C-alpha atoms as a PDB file:
ATOM      1  CA  MET A   1      -1.247   2.280  23.589  1.00  0.00           C
ATOM      2  CA  LYS A   2      -4.237   0.395  22.620  1.00  0.00           C
ATOM      3  CA  LYS A   3      -6.069   3.166  22.407  1.00  0.00           C
ATOM      4  CA  ILE A   4      -3.976   4.924  20.394  1.00  0.00           C
ATOM      5  CA  PHE A   5      -3.241   1.541  17.685  1.00  0.00           C
ATOM      6  CA  PHE A   6      -7.362   1.947  17.495  1.00  0.00           C
ATOM      7  CA  LEU A   7      -7.030   5.452  17.159  1.00  0.00           C
ATOM      8  CA  PHE A   8      -4.711   5.267  14.000  1.00  0.00           C
ATOM      9  CA  ILE A   9      -6.477   2.317  12.426  1.00  0.00           C
ATOM     10  CA  LEU A  10      -9.987   4.119  12.603  1.00  0.00           C
ATOM     11  CA  ILE A  11      -8.358   7.425  11.264  1.00  0.00           C
ATOM     12  CA  TYR A  12      -6.192   5.268   8.357  1.00  0.00           C
ATOM     13  CA  THR A  13      -9.649   3.523   7.221  1.00  0.00           C
ATOM     14  CA  SER A  14     -11.758   6.496   7.252  1.00  0.00           C
ATOM     15  CA  ILE A  15      -8.934   7.852   5.050  1.00  0.00           C
ATOM     16  CA  SER A  16      -8.668   5.249   2.843  1.00  0.00           C
ATOM     17  CA  TYR A  17     -12.126   4.896   2.239  1.00  0.00           C
ATOM     18  CA  SER A  18     -13.246   8.842   1.686  1.00  0.00           C
ATOM     19  CA  GLN A  19     -10.521   8.399  -1.352  1.00  0.00           C
ATOM     20  CA  THR A  20     -11.564   5.209  -2.671  1.00  0.00           C
ATOM     21  CA  VAL A  21     -11.641   5.895  -6.660  1.00  0.00           C
ATOM     22  CA  LYS A  22     -14.656   3.697  -8.854  1.00  0.00           C
ATOM     23  CA  ALA A  23     -13.964   2.617 -12.144  1.00  0.00           C
ATOM     24  CA  ASP A  24     -16.691   5.386 -13.355  1.00  0.00           C
ATOM     25  CA  ASP A  25     -15.077   8.488 -11.927  1.00  0.00           C
ATOM     26  CA  LEU A  26     -13.248   8.989 -14.880  1.00  0.00           C
ATOM     27  CA  ILE A  27     -16.392   9.717 -16.783  1.00  0.00           C
ATOM     28  CA  GLY A  28     -16.507  13.577 -17.238  1.00  0.00           C
ATOM     29  CA  THR A  29     -15.067  16.495 -19.116  1.00  0.00           C
ATOM     30  CA  TRP A  30     -11.689  17.153 -18.084  1.00  0.00           C
ATOM     31  CA  LEU A  31      -9.241  20.310 -19.140  1.00  0.00           C
ATOM     32  CA  THR A  32      -5.787  18.828 -20.282  1.00  0.00           C
ATOM     33  CA  GLY A  33      -2.583  19.634 -18.368  1.00  0.00           C
ATOM     34  CA  ASN A  34      -1.500  22.362 -20.678  1.00  0.00           C
ATOM     35  CA  GLY A  35      -4.842  24.131 -21.025  1.00  0.00           C
ATOM     36  CA  LYS A  36      -5.743  23.857 -24.433  1.00  0.00           C
ATOM     37  CA  ALA A  37      -8.312  21.318 -24.995  1.00  0.00           C
ATOM     38  CA  LYS A  38     -11.238  19.880 -22.806  1.00  0.00           C
ATOM     39  CA  VAL A  39     -11.657  16.063 -23.277  1.00  0.00           C
ATOM     40  CA  GLN A  40     -14.815  14.512 -22.656  1.00  0.00           C
ATOM     41  CA  ILE A  41     -14.668  10.697 -21.514  1.00  0.00           C
ATOM     42  CA  THR A  42     -17.368   7.939 -21.885  1.00  0.00           C
ATOM     43  CA  LYS A  43     -18.238   4.617 -21.012  1.00  0.00           C
ATOM     44  CA  SER A  44     -19.150   1.967 -23.747  1.00  0.00           C
ATOM     45  CA  GLY A  45     -19.080  -1.620 -22.387  1.00  0.00           C
ATOM     46  CA  ASP A  46     -16.492  -1.998 -20.198  1.00  0.00           C
ATOM     47  CA  LYS A  47     -14.089   0.653 -22.166  1.00  0.00           C
ATOM     48  CA  TYR A  48     -13.263   4.461 -21.812  1.00  0.00           C
ATOM     49  CA  SER A  49     -12.621   6.830 -24.654  1.00  0.00           C
ATOM     50  CA  GLY A  50     -12.182  10.380 -24.890  1.00  0.00           C
ATOM     51  CA  LYS A  51     -12.927  13.214 -27.399  1.00  0.00           C
ATOM     52  CA  ILE A  52     -11.825  16.972 -27.913  1.00  0.00           C
ATOM     53  CA  VAL A  53     -14.878  18.830 -26.982  1.00  0.00           C
ATOM     54  CA  TRP A  54     -13.294  22.445 -26.546  1.00  0.00           C
ATOM     55  CA  LEU A  55     -10.364  24.045 -27.892  1.00  0.00           C
ATOM     56  CA  LYS A  56      -8.588  27.184 -26.285  1.00  0.00           C
ATOM     57  CA  GLU A  57      -7.509  28.190 -29.807  1.00  0.00           C
ATOM     58  CA  PRO A  58     -10.303  26.244 -32.377  1.00  0.00           C
ATOM     59  CA  ASN A  59      -9.380  27.927 -35.548  1.00  0.00           C
ATOM     60  CA  TYR A  60      -5.919  29.167 -37.391  1.00  0.00           C
ATOM     61  CA  ALA A  61      -5.336  32.726 -37.887  1.00  0.00           C
ATOM     62  CA  ASP A  62      -7.058  32.479 -40.943  1.00  0.00           C
ATOM     63  CA  GLY A  63     -10.318  31.509 -38.759  1.00  0.00           C
ATOM     64  CA  THR A  64     -10.350  28.078 -40.567  1.00  0.00           C
ATOM     65  CA  PRO A  65     -11.075  25.400 -37.895  1.00  0.00           C
ATOM     66  CA  LYS A  66      -7.905  23.553 -36.733  1.00  0.00           C
ATOM     67  CA  VAL A  67      -7.494  19.625 -38.462  1.00  0.00           C
ATOM     68  CA  ASP A  68      -5.507  17.278 -37.598  1.00  0.00           C
ATOM     69  CA  LYS A  69      -2.617  17.865 -40.101  1.00  0.00           C
ATOM     70  CA  ASN A  70      -0.111  15.803 -38.612  1.00  0.00           C
ATOM     71  CA  ASN A  71      -1.857  12.471 -38.967  1.00  0.00           C
ATOM     72  CA  PRO A  72       0.028  10.029 -40.521  1.00  0.00           C
ATOM     73  CA  ASP A  73      -3.008   8.790 -42.498  1.00  0.00           C
ATOM     74  CA  LYS A  74      -3.031  10.873 -45.224  1.00  0.00           C
ATOM     75  CA  THR A  75      -6.943  10.529 -45.185  1.00  0.00           C
ATOM     76  CA  LYS A  76      -7.388  11.922 -41.769  1.00  0.00           C
ATOM     77  CA  GLN A  77      -5.605  15.111 -42.223  1.00  0.00           C
ATOM     78  CA  LYS A  78      -8.298  17.362 -43.058  1.00  0.00           C
ATOM     79  CA  ASN A  79     -10.542  15.902 -39.826  1.00  0.00           C
ATOM     80  CA  PRO A  80     -11.659  18.513 -37.477  1.00  0.00           C
ATOM     81  CA  ILE A  81      -9.243  18.722 -34.328  1.00  0.00           C
ATOM     82  CA  LEU A  82     -12.766  19.564 -32.327  1.00  0.00           C
ATOM     83  CA  GLY A  83     -14.726  16.354 -31.717  1.00  0.00           C
ATOM     84  CA  LEU A  84     -11.170  14.067 -32.324  1.00  0.00           C
ATOM     85  CA  SER A  85     -10.990  11.043 -30.702  1.00  0.00           C
ATOM     86  CA  LEU A  86      -8.269  10.983 -28.208  1.00  0.00           C
ATOM     87  CA  LEU A  87      -8.383   8.186 -25.957  1.00  0.00           C
ATOM     88  CA  LYS A  88      -9.336   4.820 -26.688  1.00  0.00           C
ATOM     89  CA  ASP A  89      -9.925   1.189 -25.534  1.00  0.00           C
ATOM     90  CA  PHE A  90      -8.969   2.218 -21.574  1.00  0.00           C
ATOM     91  CA  VAL A  91     -10.023  -0.639 -18.956  1.00  0.00           C
ATOM     92  CA  TRP A  92     -10.139  -0.223 -15.321  1.00  0.00           C
ATOM     93  CA  ASP A  93      -8.011  -2.666 -13.256  1.00  0.00           C
ATOM     94  CA  ASP A  94      -8.436  -1.871  -9.657  1.00  0.00           C
ATOM     95  CA  ASP A  95      -6.954   1.695  -9.056  1.00  0.00           C
ATOM     96  CA  GLN A  96      -6.110   2.791 -12.819  1.00  0.00           C
ATOM     97  CA  TRP A  97      -7.163   3.086 -16.133  1.00  0.00           C
ATOM     98  CA  GLU A  98      -4.975   1.383 -18.266  1.00  0.00           C
ATOM     99  CA  ASP A  99      -4.615  -0.674 -21.565  1.00  0.00           C
ATOM    100  CA  GLY A 100      -5.162   2.420 -23.538  1.00  0.00           C
ATOM    101  CA  THR A 101      -3.879   4.592 -26.187  1.00  0.00           C
ATOM    102  CA  ILE A 102      -3.775   8.473 -26.354  1.00  0.00           C
ATOM    103  CA  TYR A 103      -3.292  10.136 -29.886  1.00  0.00           C
ATOM    104  CA  ASP A 104      -1.255  13.524 -29.479  1.00  0.00           C
ATOM    105  CA  PRO A 105      -2.476  15.849 -32.445  1.00  0.00           C
ATOM    106  CA  GLU A 106       0.313  18.232 -32.500  1.00  0.00           C
ATOM    107  CA  ASN A 107       2.694  15.296 -33.894  1.00  0.00           C
ATOM    108  CA  GLY A 108       0.083  12.870 -34.974  1.00  0.00           C
ATOM    109  CA  LYS A 109       1.592  10.149 -32.695  1.00  0.00           C
ATOM    110  CA  THR A 110      -0.095   7.392 -30.543  1.00  0.00           C
ATOM    111  CA  TYR A 111       1.031   6.428 -27.641  1.00  0.00           C
ATOM    112  CA  SER A 112       0.671   3.553 -24.745  1.00  0.00           C
ATOM    113  CA  CYS A 113      -1.313   5.399 -21.545  1.00  0.00           C
ATOM    114  CA  LYS A 114      -2.216   4.644 -18.670  1.00  0.00           C
ATOM    115  CA  ILE A 115      -4.586   7.039 -16.417  1.00  0.00           C
ATOM    116  CA  GLU A 116      -4.517   7.154 -12.528  1.00  0.00           C
ATOM    117  CA  MET A 117      -7.094   9.449 -10.274  1.00  0.00           C
ATOM    118  CA  LYS A 118      -4.764  11.122  -7.508  1.00  0.00           C
ATOM    119  CA  SER A 119      -6.395  14.020  -5.184  1.00  0.00           C
ATOM    120  CA  GLY A 120      -9.674  14.169  -7.466  1.00  0.00           C
ATOM    121  CA  ALA A 121      -7.611  14.729 -10.690  1.00  0.00           C
ATOM    122  CA  LEU A 122      -5.920  12.328 -13.723  1.00  0.00           C
ATOM    123  CA  GLU A 123      -2.608  11.738 -13.707  1.00  0.00           C
ATOM    124  CA  VAL A 124      -2.423  10.648 -17.474  1.00  0.00           C
ATOM    125  CA  ARG A 125       0.693   9.306 -18.570  1.00  0.00           C
ATOM    126  CA  GLY A 126       1.531   8.664 -22.391  1.00  0.00           C
ATOM    127  CA  TYR A 127       4.504   6.560 -22.860  1.00  0.00           C
ATOM    128  CA  ILE A 128       6.531   4.623 -25.514  1.00  0.00           C
ATOM    129  CA  GLY A 129       7.642   1.035 -24.401  1.00  0.00           C
ATOM    130  CA  PHE A 130       7.436   0.426 -20.746  1.00  0.00           C
ATOM    131  CA  SER A 131       6.298   3.480 -19.119  1.00  0.00           C
ATOM    132  CA  LEU A 132      10.078   4.894 -18.800  1.00  0.00           C
ATOM    133  CA  ILE A 133      10.003   7.029 -21.401  1.00  0.00           C
ATOM    134  CA  GLY A 134       6.982   9.325 -21.487  1.00  0.00           C
ATOM    135  CA  ARG A 135       4.645  12.118 -20.391  1.00  0.00           C
ATOM    136  CA  THR A 136       2.566  12.768 -17.426  1.00  0.00           C
ATOM    137  CA  GLN A 137      -0.021  15.643 -17.554  1.00  0.00           C
ATOM    138  CA  ILE A 138      -2.482  16.712 -14.761  1.00  0.00           C
ATOM    139  CA  TRP A 139      -5.938  17.061 -15.786  1.00  0.00           C
ATOM    140  CA  VAL A 140      -8.663  18.855 -13.750  1.00  0.00           C
ATOM    141  CA  LYS A 141     -12.305  17.962 -13.868  1.00  0.00           C
ATOM    142  CA  VAL A 142     -14.808  20.151 -15.474  1.00  0.00           C
ATOM    143  CA  LYS A 143     -17.825  21.527 -13.294  1.00  0.00           C
ATOM    144  CA  GLU A 144     -20.978  20.550 -15.524  1.00  0.00           C
ATOM    145  CA  THR A 145     -22.682  23.969 -16.105  1.00  0.00           C
ATOM    146  CA  LYS A 146     -26.229  23.749 -17.069  1.00  0.00           C
END
């Protein structure tokens, strides 16, 4: 019985150790859950942020680049979506990135957000209030090509 117990402990700790997430694991380029954009996440100081670096459909039907037309700040409505800052001010707290915001250019709204890594993918949850009302997307890391 002791051998089985120790074997179980050994397996559990090796699995737990191999799935340990580190703060900087967030850094990189991620394909959003809807597949419409790629977001490059970087770190400045102790905060993480992300900007749109690729769009599946970067232009309108007339060929002009898509702009942030739904932004409530009229001075920003002509800013291009490509290069737009989407994620802001995330901080690492033990097992997730939190206290940040996510901007949705499709409706011009900014939401509280937390990010958690599960099985190598990001679970990105934008929400209102205390995380009860919101939406979660799974983002996958894009392999870097050189």
